[in-house]
Amino acid sequence: MNNNLIFPVTASEYPEVTELWERSVRATHDFLPEEDIQFFRPLILNEFLPMVTLFCTKTMQSRISGFIGIAEDKVEMLFIDPDYRGQGLGKRLLNYAIAQKHITQVDVNEQNPQAVGFYLNCGFEVAGRSELDGMGKAYPILRLRLKKTAL
């Protein structure tokens, strides 16, 4: 691994980021049926990635191992390649976004308890809840904000 290095993601890397997104979703979002993964995949590549500022971690072979997408003061996406989970990449990307990009918010799928626990352990607290996700699908979303003490 390129220890502690965070890289900006370029548009030419969007296909690689989308592949990583799909591998990560398949490993962590067991509540998503196949048709929804197929529904979201082109949206990730063509619409969602261009809407955020992306940063990533890379392997020694320069493969993207994890990425975070931010907009204003909010984490819009954070995904780690399943082969690199548990190595602190998510925490490194999140800490970078907090310290360097001043993020204070994140929405997380309530049905993804690992992600909810991750953010709560990283200093976030539940600030609200929605029955539907941003696409109007019935995937409850928890709205989290960084605790004042964590700032």
Protein backbone atom coordinates (compact mmCIF):
# COMPACT_ATOMS: atom_id res chain seq x y z
CA MET A 1 0.00 0.00 0.00
CA ASN A 2 0.99 3.58 -0.52
CA ASN A 3 0.98 4.34 3.19
CA ASN A 4 -1.16 7.30 4.20
CA LEU A 5 -1.34 8.73 0.68
CA ILE A 6 -4.65 10.09 -0.56
CA PHE A 7 -4.98 10.78 -4.28
CA PRO A 8 -7.54 12.80 -6.23
CA VAL A 9 -9.60 10.68 -8.62
CA THR A 10 -9.69 11.72 -12.27
CA ALA A 11 -12.57 11.19 -14.70
CA SER A 12 -10.46 8.59 -16.54
CA GLU A 13 -10.56 6.49 -13.35
CA TYR A 14 -14.38 6.51 -13.08
CA PRO A 15 -14.72 3.02 -14.67
CA GLU A 16 -12.27 1.59 -12.10
CA VAL A 17 -14.09 3.38 -9.28
CA THR A 18 -17.43 2.02 -10.52
CA GLU A 19 -16.03 -1.54 -10.57
CA LEU A 20 -14.80 -1.07 -7.00
CA TRP A 21 -18.23 0.33 -6.01
CA GLU A 22 -19.94 -2.78 -7.37
CA ARG A 23 -17.55 -5.20 -5.61
CA SER A 24 -17.98 -3.31 -2.34
CA VAL A 25 -21.78 -3.16 -2.63
CA ARG A 26 -21.96 -6.88 -3.33
CA ALA A 27 -19.85 -7.53 -0.20
CA THR A 28 -21.70 -5.18 2.17
CA HIS A 29 -25.20 -4.36 0.89
CA ASP A 30 -26.89 -7.76 1.10
CA PHE A 31 -30.27 -6.02 1.25
CA LEU A 32 -29.91 -4.78 -2.36
CA PRO A 33 -31.40 -7.06 -5.01
CA GLU A 34 -29.50 -7.61 -8.27
CA GLU A 35 -31.87 -5.41 -10.26
CA ASP A 36 -31.09 -2.44 -7.99
CA ILE A 37 -27.33 -2.97 -8.32
CA GLN A 38 -27.82 -2.95 -12.10
CA PHE A 39 -30.07 0.13 -11.79
CA PHE A 40 -27.51 2.10 -9.75
CA ARG A 41 -24.35 1.04 -11.65
CA PRO A 42 -24.76 3.35 -14.70
CA LEU A 43 -25.98 6.15 -12.44
CA ILE A 44 -22.80 5.84 -10.35
CA LEU A 45 -20.58 5.95 -13.43
CA ASN A 46 -22.37 8.61 -15.47
CA GLU A 47 -24.16 10.83 -12.96
CA PHE A 48 -23.10 10.42 -9.33
CA LEU A 49 -19.29 10.34 -9.67
CA PRO A 50 -19.16 13.58 -11.72
CA MET A 51 -21.26 15.32 -9.04
CA VAL A 52 -18.74 14.84 -6.21
CA THR A 53 -15.08 15.50 -5.48
CA LEU A 54 -13.38 12.12 -5.27
CA PHE A 55 -10.30 10.98 -3.38
CA CYS A 56 -8.84 7.49 -3.18
CA THR A 57 -6.25 5.19 -1.72
CA LYS A 58 -4.17 3.00 -4.03
CA THR A 59 -2.23 -0.23 -3.85
CA MET A 60 1.47 -0.42 -4.64
CA GLN A 61 0.38 -1.44 -8.15
CA SER A 62 -1.62 1.83 -8.42
CA ARG A 63 -5.01 0.08 -8.27
CA ILE A 64 -7.68 2.02 -6.41
CA SER A 65 -8.34 0.27 -3.10
CA GLY A 66 -10.92 2.66 -1.65
CA PHE A 67 -12.60 5.97 -2.45
CA ILE A 68 -14.60 8.75 -0.89
CA GLY A 69 -16.84 11.24 -2.66
CA ILE A 70 -17.68 14.55 -1.02
CA ALA A 71 -19.87 17.53 -1.84
CA GLU A 72 -19.73 20.67 0.29
CA ASP A 73 -19.59 19.42 3.91
CA LYS A 74 -21.00 15.95 3.29
CA VAL A 75 -19.67 12.50 2.50
CA GLU A 76 -21.78 11.28 -0.42
CA MET A 77 -20.06 7.91 -0.84
CA LEU A 78 -17.32 5.86 0.80
CA PHE A 79 -16.43 2.41 -0.52
CA ILE A 80 -13.52 0.07 0.10
CA ASP A 81 -12.49 -2.83 -2.14
CA PRO A 82 -13.51 -6.02 -0.27
CA ASP A 83 -9.92 -7.31 -0.60
CA TYR A 84 -8.71 -4.33 1.48
CA ARG A 85 -11.43 -4.05 4.12
CA GLY A 86 -10.30 -3.98 7.73
CA GLN A 87 -7.00 -2.25 6.94
CA GLY A 88 -8.01 1.25 8.05
CA LEU A 89 -8.57 2.68 4.55
CA GLY A 90 -12.10 3.86 5.28
CA LYS A 91 -10.99 5.59 8.45
CA ARG A 92 -8.04 7.18 6.64
CA LEU A 93 -10.28 8.51 3.86
CA LEU A 94 -12.89 9.74 6.34
CA ASN A 95 -10.30 11.42 8.56
CA TYR A 96 -8.87 13.14 5.48
CA ALA A 97 -12.33 14.41 4.52
CA ILE A 98 -12.95 15.69 8.05
CA ALA A 99 -9.55 17.35 8.50
CA GLN A 100 -8.88 18.63 4.98
CA LYS A 101 -12.35 19.09 3.47
CA HIS A 102 -14.27 19.93 6.66
CA ILE A 103 -17.08 17.44 6.16
CA THR A 104 -19.60 17.18 9.00
CA GLN A 105 -22.38 15.03 7.54
CA VAL A 106 -23.04 11.65 5.97
CA ASP A 107 -26.14 9.66 5.04
CA VAL A 108 -25.92 5.90 5.50
CA ASN A 109 -28.21 2.98 4.67
CA GLU A 110 -29.84 1.90 7.91
CA GLN A 111 -29.79 -1.68 6.56
CA ASN A 112 -25.97 -1.63 6.45
CA PRO A 113 -25.10 -2.09 10.15
CA GLN A 114 -21.34 -2.29 9.47
CA ALA A 115 -21.39 1.18 7.89
CA VAL A 116 -23.62 2.61 10.61
CA GLY A 117 -21.26 1.24 13.27
CA PHE A 118 -18.23 2.56 11.39
CA TYR A 119 -19.54 6.13 11.30
CA LEU A 120 -20.77 6.04 14.91
CA ASN A 121 -17.32 4.81 15.99
CA CYS A 122 -15.72 7.63 13.99
CA GLY A 123 -17.53 10.35 15.95
CA PHE A 124 -20.85 10.73 14.12
CA GLU A 125 -24.29 10.70 15.70
CA VAL A 126 -27.78 10.17 14.28
CA ALA A 127 -29.40 13.49 13.41
CA GLY A 128 -32.39 12.20 11.44
CA ARG A 129 -33.95 9.37 9.46
CA SER A 130 -35.76 8.96 6.17
CA GLU A 131 -37.82 5.95 5.10
CA LEU A 132 -36.66 6.42 1.49
CA ASP A 133 -33.26 6.89 -0.10
CA GLY A 134 -32.41 9.79 -2.40
CA MET A 135 -33.89 7.94 -5.39
CA GLY A 136 -37.21 7.37 -3.61
CA LYS A 137 -36.52 3.68 -3.04
CA ALA A 138 -37.56 2.00 0.21
CA TYR A 139 -34.08 1.84 1.74
CA PRO A 140 -34.18 3.77 5.03
CA ILE A 141 -31.42 6.35 5.40
CA LEU A 142 -29.88 7.60 8.63
CA ARG A 143 -28.67 11.18 8.49
CA LEU A 144 -25.52 11.45 10.59
CA ARG A 145 -23.57 14.48 11.70
CA LEU A 146 -20.17 14.80 13.29
CA LYS A 147 -20.45 15.31 17.03
CA LYS A 148 -19.27 18.75 18.15
CA THR A 149 -16.74 17.06 20.46
CA ALA A 150 -15.24 15.22 17.48
CA LEU A 151 -14.49 18.43 15.56
